[in-house]
Amino acid sequence: MSEGRWIGKPVKRVEDARLLTGRGTYIDDHPPVANVCHAAIVRSPHAHAKILGYDTAAASAMDGVTGVITGADVARHTKPFAVGVTAPVHYYCAATDRVRFVGEPVAVVVARNRYLAEDAAEHVQVGYEPLAVVLDPERALESDAPVLHEAVGSNLAGHRRLVYGDPDRAFREADVVLDERFSFPKYGSTPIETYGVIAKWDPLDEASRCSRRSSIHLTGTPSRIAASAISAMYG
């Protein structure tokens, strides 16, 4: 369909009937899985801090807990994600050496049900050494700003200049030119259901040892996380 037939015209939604009648398919709609375990994530309370160590003894000893994965395990058993820039940014599914934002995962507790996992997650102790933070993105580009990724050497991970047509000529020939500075906050597209993954590990199935059902289109990412986590716990 040409662009002219879309712009400025209402587009009939095709998913409403399914969602409004309770026929949406989410992780909670999945048929019960036998002997399934649940994971709870331990998150950083700091915006920037070194991780000094973990104490998982209390959480591991709690009833129903089957395993605890820390950032150290993540570094040992997984590889960094692709980040879309050429700078050496090493970004894992959980913080491995330092945390770089409030809420960054630092450990995961796996237990026989969701409630046991969440209770045990509160007993995971993580040692931190708080580091300097910077809140303004332009301040972060200054030479004396705290650097998040030491291997990069600065907080500029990527810089691209995109030019289409002849903008210089367009400005020269324009009747009116407005010069203004605009700023906008960070934003994100939030789905009805957040990330969810159900993974099954079968060491006897050579074709598909780790099968999974996920609630997002980027199925490769959660499957790698799930496979790495299961492999780390059960060998």
C-alpha atoms as a PDB file:
ATOM      1  CA  MET A   1       0.000   0.000   0.000  1.00  0.00           C
ATOM      2  CA  SER A   2       1.402   3.399  -0.968  1.00  0.00           C
ATOM      3  CA  GLU A   3       2.349   5.942   1.691  1.00  0.00           C
ATOM      4  CA  GLY A   4      -0.403   8.282   0.506  1.00  0.00           C
ATOM      5  CA  ARG A   5      -3.083   5.784   1.516  1.00  0.00           C
ATOM      6  CA  TRP A   6      -1.761   5.477   5.080  1.00  0.00           C
ATOM      7  CA  ILE A   7      -0.930   9.028   6.151  1.00  0.00           C
ATOM      8  CA  GLY A   8      -3.708  10.889   7.931  1.00  0.00           C
ATOM      9  CA  LYS A   9      -6.248   8.092   7.646  1.00  0.00           C
ATOM     10  CA  PRO A  10      -7.631   5.677  10.267  1.00  0.00           C
ATOM     11  CA  VAL A  11      -6.300   2.145  10.075  1.00  0.00           C
ATOM     12  CA  LYS A  12      -8.529  -0.699  11.164  1.00  0.00           C
ATOM     13  CA  ARG A  13      -7.056  -2.691  14.023  1.00  0.00           C
ATOM     14  CA  VAL A  14      -6.985  -6.424  13.490  1.00  0.00           C
ATOM     15  CA  GLU A  15      -6.022  -7.638  16.980  1.00  0.00           C
ATOM     16  CA  ASP A  16      -8.753  -6.068  19.132  1.00  0.00           C
ATOM     17  CA  ALA A  17     -11.277  -8.914  18.991  1.00  0.00           C
ATOM     18  CA  ARG A  18      -8.709 -11.444  20.161  1.00  0.00           C
ATOM     19  CA  LEU A  19      -7.450  -9.270  23.025  1.00  0.00           C
ATOM     20  CA  LEU A  20     -10.820  -7.958  24.223  1.00  0.00           C
ATOM     21  CA  THR A  21     -12.337 -11.435  24.395  1.00  0.00           C
ATOM     22  CA  GLY A  22      -9.549 -12.875  26.504  1.00  0.00           C
ATOM     23  CA  ARG A  23      -7.952 -14.834  23.694  1.00  0.00           C
ATOM     24  CA  GLY A  24      -4.572 -13.159  23.879  1.00  0.00           C
ATOM     25  CA  THR A  25      -1.699 -15.573  24.276  1.00  0.00           C
ATOM     26  CA  TYR A  26       0.709 -14.599  27.046  1.00  0.00           C
ATOM     27  CA  ILE A  27       3.140 -16.514  29.201  1.00  0.00           C
ATOM     28  CA  ASP A  28       0.466 -17.037  31.882  1.00  0.00           C
ATOM     29  CA  ASP A  29      -1.807 -18.583  29.238  1.00  0.00           C
ATOM     30  CA  HIS A  30       0.696 -21.339  28.562  1.00  0.00           C
ATOM     31  CA  PRO A  31      -0.506 -24.791  29.686  1.00  0.00           C
ATOM     32  CA  PRO A  32       1.010 -25.838  33.035  1.00  0.00           C
ATOM     33  CA  VAL A  33       4.529 -27.209  32.746  1.00  0.00           C
ATOM     34  CA  ALA A  34       5.451 -30.093  35.032  1.00  0.00           C
ATOM     35  CA  ASN A  35       8.171 -29.430  37.612  1.00  0.00           C
ATOM     36  CA  VAL A  36       8.709 -25.896  36.361  1.00  0.00           C
ATOM     37  CA  CYS A  37      10.943 -23.578  38.386  1.00  0.00           C
ATOM     38  CA  HIS A  38      10.621 -19.811  38.626  1.00  0.00           C
ATOM     39  CA  ALA A  39      13.313 -17.140  38.583  1.00  0.00           C
ATOM     40  CA  ALA A  40      13.492 -13.913  40.575  1.00  0.00           C
ATOM     41  CA  ILE A  41      15.998 -11.209  39.709  1.00  0.00           C
ATOM     42  CA  VAL A  42      18.140  -9.373  42.254  1.00  0.00           C
ATOM     43  CA  ARG A  43      18.690  -5.801  41.042  1.00  0.00           C
ATOM     44  CA  SER A  44      21.183  -3.082  41.851  1.00  0.00           C
ATOM     45  CA  PRO A  45      20.110  -0.179  44.095  1.00  0.00           C
ATOM     46  CA  HIS A  46      23.036   1.885  42.764  1.00  0.00           C
ATOM     47  CA  ALA A  47      23.426   3.839  39.536  1.00  0.00           C
ATOM     48  CA  HIS A  48      27.163   3.169  39.383  1.00  0.00           C
ATOM     49  CA  ALA A  49      29.204   0.899  41.641  1.00  0.00           C
ATOM     50  CA  LYS A  50      31.843  -1.813  41.648  1.00  0.00           C
ATOM     51  CA  ILE A  51      30.676  -5.263  42.664  1.00  0.00           C
ATOM     52  CA  LEU A  52      32.866  -6.486  45.508  1.00  0.00           C
ATOM     53  CA  GLY A  53      31.330  -9.895  46.017  1.00  0.00           C
ATOM     54  CA  TYR A  54      28.262 -12.002  46.654  1.00  0.00           C
ATOM     55  CA  ASP A  55      26.876 -13.909  49.629  1.00  0.00           C
ATOM     56  CA  THR A  56      24.294 -16.392  48.422  1.00  0.00           C
ATOM     57  CA  ALA A  57      24.528 -18.877  51.311  1.00  0.00           C
ATOM     58  CA  ALA A  58      21.316 -17.809  53.041  1.00  0.00           C
ATOM     59  CA  ALA A  59      19.307 -17.762  49.834  1.00  0.00           C
ATOM     60  CA  SER A  60      20.683 -21.108  48.644  1.00  0.00           C
ATOM     61  CA  ALA A  61      19.758 -22.750  51.958  1.00  0.00           C
ATOM     62  CA  MET A  62      16.110 -21.692  51.809  1.00  0.00           C
ATOM     63  CA  ASP A  63      13.426 -24.273  51.209  1.00  0.00           C
ATOM     64  CA  GLY A  64      12.582 -24.792  47.547  1.00  0.00           C
ATOM     65  CA  VAL A  65      15.581 -22.938  46.117  1.00  0.00           C
ATOM     66  CA  THR A  66      17.280 -24.906  43.348  1.00  0.00           C
ATOM     67  CA  GLY A  67      20.043 -22.479  42.423  1.00  0.00           C
ATOM     68  CA  VAL A  68      21.474 -18.980  42.515  1.00  0.00           C
ATOM     69  CA  ILE A  69      23.262 -17.388  39.556  1.00  0.00           C
ATOM     70  CA  THR A  70      25.481 -14.358  40.104  1.00  0.00           C
ATOM     71  CA  GLY A  71      27.226 -11.974  37.758  1.00  0.00           C
ATOM     72  CA  ALA A  72      30.390 -13.995  38.276  1.00  0.00           C
ATOM     73  CA  ASP A  73      28.604 -17.062  36.862  1.00  0.00           C
ATOM     74  CA  VAL A  74      27.350 -15.002  33.937  1.00  0.00           C
ATOM     75  CA  ALA A  75      30.878 -13.845  33.114  1.00  0.00           C
ATOM     76  CA  ARG A  76      32.166 -17.411  33.370  1.00  0.00           C
ATOM     77  CA  HIS A  77      29.513 -19.135  31.252  1.00  0.00           C
ATOM     78  CA  THR A  78      28.201 -16.549  28.768  1.00  0.00           C
ATOM     79  CA  LYS A  79      29.385 -14.006  26.241  1.00  0.00           C
ATOM     80  CA  PRO A  80      28.463 -10.316  25.933  1.00  0.00           C
ATOM     81  CA  PHE A  81      25.498  -9.283  23.831  1.00  0.00           C
ATOM     82  CA  ALA A  82      25.886  -7.608  20.467  1.00  0.00           C
ATOM     83  CA  VAL A  83      25.392  -3.900  21.162  1.00  0.00           C
ATOM     84  CA  GLY A  84      25.296  -2.368  17.695  1.00  0.00           C
ATOM     85  CA  VAL A  85      28.389  -0.168  18.065  1.00  0.00           C
ATOM     86  CA  THR A  86      32.042  -0.757  17.280  1.00  0.00           C
ATOM     87  CA  ALA A  87      33.238   0.469  20.684  1.00  0.00           C
ATOM     88  CA  PRO A  88      34.324  -2.326  23.081  1.00  0.00           C
ATOM     89  CA  VAL A  89      31.180  -2.231  25.228  1.00  0.00           C
ATOM     90  CA  HIS A  90      30.838  -5.546  27.049  1.00  0.00           C
ATOM     91  CA  TYR A  91      27.194  -5.819  28.076  1.00  0.00           C
ATOM     92  CA  TYR A  92      25.976  -9.049  29.659  1.00  0.00           C
ATOM     93  CA  CYS A  93      22.539 -10.219  30.788  1.00  0.00           C
ATOM     94  CA  ALA A  94      23.648  -9.350  34.345  1.00  0.00           C
ATOM     95  CA  ALA A  95      26.323  -7.064  35.755  1.00  0.00           C
ATOM     96  CA  THR A  96      29.652  -8.858  36.035  1.00  0.00           C
ATOM     97  CA  ASP A  97      32.139  -6.336  37.402  1.00  0.00           C
ATOM     98  CA  ARG A  98      30.184  -3.160  38.098  1.00  0.00           C
ATOM     99  CA  VAL A  99      26.624  -1.914  37.874  1.00  0.00           C
ATOM    100  CA  ARG A 100      25.838   0.933  35.518  1.00  0.00           C
ATOM    101  CA  PHE A 101      22.217   1.790  36.244  1.00  0.00           C
ATOM    102  CA  VAL A 102      19.684   1.417  39.034  1.00  0.00           C
ATOM    103  CA  GLY A 103      17.850  -1.858  38.588  1.00  0.00           C
ATOM    104  CA  GLU A 104      20.554  -3.648  36.624  1.00  0.00           C
ATOM    105  CA  PRO A 105      20.373  -7.406  37.318  1.00  0.00           C
ATOM    106  CA  VAL A 106      23.168  -8.686  39.552  1.00  0.00           C
ATOM    107  CA  ALA A 107      21.896 -12.170  40.451  1.00  0.00           C
ATOM    108  CA  VAL A 108      19.043 -14.574  39.766  1.00  0.00           C
ATOM    109  CA  VAL A 109      17.412 -16.965  42.232  1.00  0.00           C
ATOM    110  CA  VAL A 110      15.648 -20.070  40.892  1.00  0.00           C
ATOM    111  CA  ALA A 111      13.118 -21.868  43.085  1.00  0.00           C
ATOM    112  CA  ARG A 112      10.168 -24.253  42.933  1.00  0.00           C
ATOM    113  CA  ASN A 113       7.676 -21.404  42.645  1.00  0.00           C
ATOM    114  CA  ARG A 114       7.592 -17.671  42.149  1.00  0.00           C
ATOM    115  CA  TYR A 115       7.001 -16.832  45.801  1.00  0.00           C
ATOM    116  CA  LEU A 116       9.914 -18.868  47.121  1.00  0.00           C
ATOM    117  CA  ALA A 117      12.169 -17.342  44.477  1.00  0.00           C
ATOM    118  CA  GLU A 118      11.159 -13.779  45.366  1.00  0.00           C
ATOM    119  CA  ASP A 119      11.571 -14.409  49.099  1.00  0.00           C
ATOM    120  CA  ALA A 120      14.999 -15.933  48.597  1.00  0.00           C
ATOM    121  CA  ALA A 121      16.103 -13.090  46.323  1.00  0.00           C
ATOM    122  CA  GLU A 122      15.772 -10.729  49.280  1.00  0.00           C
ATOM    123  CA  HIS A 123      18.411 -12.780  51.114  1.00  0.00           C
ATOM    124  CA  VAL A 124      21.084 -12.461  48.418  1.00  0.00           C
ATOM    125  CA  GLN A 125      23.741 -10.063  49.681  1.00  0.00           C
ATOM    126  CA  VAL A 126      25.834  -8.119  47.177  1.00  0.00           C
ATOM    127  CA  GLY A 127      28.776  -5.968  48.213  1.00  0.00           C
ATOM    128  CA  TYR A 128      29.119  -2.641  46.412  1.00  0.00           C
ATOM    129  CA  GLU A 129      31.627   0.173  46.237  1.00  0.00           C
ATOM    130  CA  PRO A 130      29.599   3.187  45.048  1.00  0.00           C
ATOM    131  CA  LEU A 131      31.197   5.200  42.245  1.00  0.00           C
ATOM    132  CA  ALA A 132      30.600   8.714  40.976  1.00  0.00           C
ATOM    133  CA  VAL A 133      27.553   9.231  38.791  1.00  0.00           C
ATOM    134  CA  VAL A 134      26.556  11.791  36.191  1.00  0.00           C
ATOM    135  CA  LEU A 135      22.942  12.539  35.298  1.00  0.00           C
ATOM    136  CA  ASP A 136      23.301  14.959  32.414  1.00  0.00           C
ATOM    137  CA  PRO A 137      24.161  13.381  29.034  1.00  0.00           C
ATOM    138  CA  GLU A 138      26.205  16.383  27.915  1.00  0.00           C
ATOM    139  CA  ARG A 139      28.087  16.436  31.196  1.00  0.00           C
ATOM    140  CA  ALA A 140      28.818  12.740  30.616  1.00  0.00           C
ATOM    141  CA  LEU A 141      30.738  13.662  27.453  1.00  0.00           C
ATOM    142  CA  GLU A 142      33.174  15.920  29.276  1.00  0.00           C
ATOM    143  CA  SER A 143      36.722  14.663  29.754  1.00  0.00           C
ATOM    144  CA  ASP A 144      36.502  14.477  33.552  1.00  0.00           C
ATOM    145  CA  ALA A 145      33.141  12.677  33.676  1.00  0.00           C
ATOM    146  CA  PRO A 146      32.902   9.222  35.306  1.00  0.00           C
ATOM    147  CA  VAL A 147      33.374   6.587  32.593  1.00  0.00           C
ATOM    148  CA  LEU A 148      30.963   3.652  32.547  1.00  0.00           C
ATOM    149  CA  HIS A 149      32.965   1.349  30.281  1.00  0.00           C
ATOM    150  CA  GLU A 150      36.679   1.683  30.921  1.00  0.00           C
ATOM    151  CA  ALA A 151      37.615  -0.209  27.755  1.00  0.00           C
ATOM    152  CA  VAL A 152      35.906   2.496  25.690  1.00  0.00           C
ATOM    153  CA  GLY A 153      37.798   5.303  27.439  1.00  0.00           C
ATOM    154  CA  SER A 154      34.883   7.742  27.372  1.00  0.00           C
ATOM    155  CA  ASN A 155      31.100   7.736  27.458  1.00  0.00           C
ATOM    156  CA  LEU A 156      30.819   8.167  23.694  1.00  0.00           C
ATOM    157  CA  ALA A 157      30.147   4.666  22.412  1.00  0.00           C
ATOM    158  CA  GLY A 158      29.082   5.636  18.930  1.00  0.00           C
ATOM    159  CA  HIS A 159      28.807   8.733  16.746  1.00  0.00           C
ATOM    160  CA  ARG A 160      27.119   8.907  13.360  1.00  0.00           C
ATOM    161  CA  ARG A 161      26.184  11.830  11.108  1.00  0.00           C
ATOM    162  CA  LEU A 162      23.403  11.094   8.650  1.00  0.00           C
ATOM    163  CA  VAL A 163      22.855  13.460   5.723  1.00  0.00           C
ATOM    164  CA  TYR A 164      20.111  13.091   3.123  1.00  0.00           C
ATOM    165  CA  GLY A 165      19.721  15.373   0.141  1.00  0.00           C
ATOM    166  CA  ASP A 166      21.305  18.830   0.280  1.00  0.00           C
ATOM    167  CA  PRO A 167      20.399  20.364   3.662  1.00  0.00           C
ATOM    168  CA  ASP A 168      22.884  23.249   3.298  1.00  0.00           C
ATOM    169  CA  ARG A 169      21.217  24.367   0.106  1.00  0.00           C
ATOM    170  CA  ALA A 170      17.770  23.968   1.642  1.00  0.00           C
ATOM    171  CA  PHE A 171      18.726  26.303   4.485  1.00  0.00           C
ATOM    172  CA  ARG A 172      20.287  28.856   2.116  1.00  0.00           C
ATOM    173  CA  GLU A 173      17.215  29.010  -0.075  1.00  0.00           C
ATOM    174  CA  ALA A 174      14.603  28.887   2.674  1.00  0.00           C
ATOM    175  CA  ASP A 175      12.467  31.991   3.220  1.00  0.00           C
ATOM    176  CA  VAL A 176      12.478  31.470   6.986  1.00  0.00           C
ATOM    177  CA  VAL A 177      14.961  29.567   9.161  1.00  0.00           C
ATOM    178  CA  LEU A 178      14.246  28.899  12.827  1.00  0.00           C
ATOM    179  CA  ASP A 179      17.161  28.092  15.135  1.00  0.00           C
ATOM    180  CA  GLU A 180      16.069  26.340  18.323  1.00  0.00           C
ATOM    181  CA  ARG A 181      17.361  23.810  20.808  1.00  0.00           C
ATOM    182  CA  PHE A 182      15.169  20.840  21.674  1.00  0.00           C
ATOM    183  CA  SER A 183      15.563  18.234  24.398  1.00  0.00           C
ATOM    184  CA  PHE A 184      13.484  15.212  25.295  1.00  0.00           C
ATOM    185  CA  PRO A 185      13.732  12.535  27.981  1.00  0.00           C
ATOM    186  CA  LYS A 186      14.533   8.893  27.599  1.00  0.00           C
ATOM    187  CA  TYR A 187      11.560   6.877  26.470  1.00  0.00           C
ATOM    188  CA  GLY A 188      10.677   3.326  25.629  1.00  0.00           C
ATOM    189  CA  SER A 189       7.905   1.373  23.928  1.00  0.00           C
ATOM    190  CA  THR A 190       6.270  -0.698  26.647  1.00  0.00           C
ATOM    191  CA  PRO A 191       4.281  -3.816  25.708  1.00  0.00           C
ATOM    192  CA  ILE A 192       1.262  -5.142  27.588  1.00  0.00           C
ATOM    193  CA  GLU A 193       3.375  -8.073  28.734  1.00  0.00           C
ATOM    194  CA  THR A 194       7.016  -7.683  29.701  1.00  0.00           C
ATOM    195  CA  TYR A 195       9.732 -10.199  28.864  1.00  0.00           C
ATOM    196  CA  GLY A 196       8.865 -13.742  29.772  1.00  0.00           C
ATOM    197  CA  VAL A 197      10.497 -17.042  28.909  1.00  0.00           C
ATOM    198  CA  ILE A 198       9.611 -20.665  29.634  1.00  0.00           C
ATOM    199  CA  ALA A 199      12.606 -22.872  28.937  1.00  0.00           C
ATOM    200  CA  LYS A 200      13.035 -26.634  29.068  1.00  0.00           C
ATOM    201  CA  TRP A 201      16.387 -28.389  29.159  1.00  0.00           C
ATOM    202  CA  ASP A 202      16.553 -31.932  27.804  1.00  0.00           C
ATOM    203  CA  PRO A 203      20.102 -33.346  27.597  1.00  0.00           C
ATOM    204  CA  LEU A 204      18.810 -36.413  25.721  1.00  0.00           C
ATOM    205  CA  ASP A 205      17.289 -34.415  22.863  1.00  0.00           C
ATOM    206  CA  GLU A 206      20.146 -33.889  20.430  1.00  0.00           C
ATOM    207  CA  ALA A 207      18.046 -31.792  18.034  1.00  0.00           C
ATOM    208  CA  SER A 208      16.810 -29.239  20.573  1.00  0.00           C
ATOM    209  CA  ARG A 209      18.343 -29.508  24.010  1.00  0.00           C
ATOM    210  CA  CYS A 210      16.865 -26.204  25.131  1.00  0.00           C
ATOM    211  CA  SER A 211      13.333 -25.464  23.936  1.00  0.00           C
ATOM    212  CA  ARG A 212      11.637 -22.242  24.951  1.00  0.00           C
ATOM    213  CA  ARG A 213       8.534 -20.129  24.617  1.00  0.00           C
ATOM    214  CA  SER A 214       9.003 -16.378  24.886  1.00  0.00           C
ATOM    215  CA  SER A 215       6.726 -13.353  24.851  1.00  0.00           C
ATOM    216  CA  ILE A 216       8.870 -11.219  22.547  1.00  0.00           C
ATOM    217  CA  HIS A 217       9.922 -11.308  18.927  1.00  0.00           C
ATOM    218  CA  LEU A 218      13.646 -11.303  19.746  1.00  0.00           C
ATOM    219  CA  THR A 219      13.570 -14.997  20.538  1.00  0.00           C
ATOM    220  CA  GLY A 220      17.307 -15.441  20.069  1.00  0.00           C
ATOM    221  CA  THR A 221      18.201 -13.295  23.074  1.00  0.00           C
ATOM    222  CA  PRO A 222      16.017 -14.941  25.753  1.00  0.00           C
ATOM    223  CA  SER A 223      16.858 -18.390  24.461  1.00  0.00           C
ATOM    224  CA  ARG A 224      20.586 -17.689  24.821  1.00  0.00           C
ATOM    225  CA  ILE A 225      20.039 -16.347  28.336  1.00  0.00           C
ATOM    226  CA  ALA A 226      17.888 -19.297  29.329  1.00  0.00           C
ATOM    227  CA  ALA A 227      20.241 -21.838  27.805  1.00  0.00           C
ATOM    228  CA  SER A 228      23.257 -20.295  29.506  1.00  0.00           C
ATOM    229  CA  ALA A 229      21.504 -20.111  32.858  1.00  0.00           C
ATOM    230  CA  ILE A 230      20.280 -23.695  32.726  1.00  0.00           C
ATOM    231  CA  SER A 231      23.663 -24.929  31.571  1.00  0.00           C
ATOM    232  CA  ALA A 232      25.385 -23.070  34.409  1.00  0.00           C
ATOM    233  CA  MET A 233      23.063 -24.619  36.997  1.00  0.00           C
ATOM    234  CA  TYR A 234      22.848 -28.172  35.753  1.00  0.00           C
ATOM    235  CA  GLY A 235      25.973 -28.628  33.697  1.00  0.00           C
END
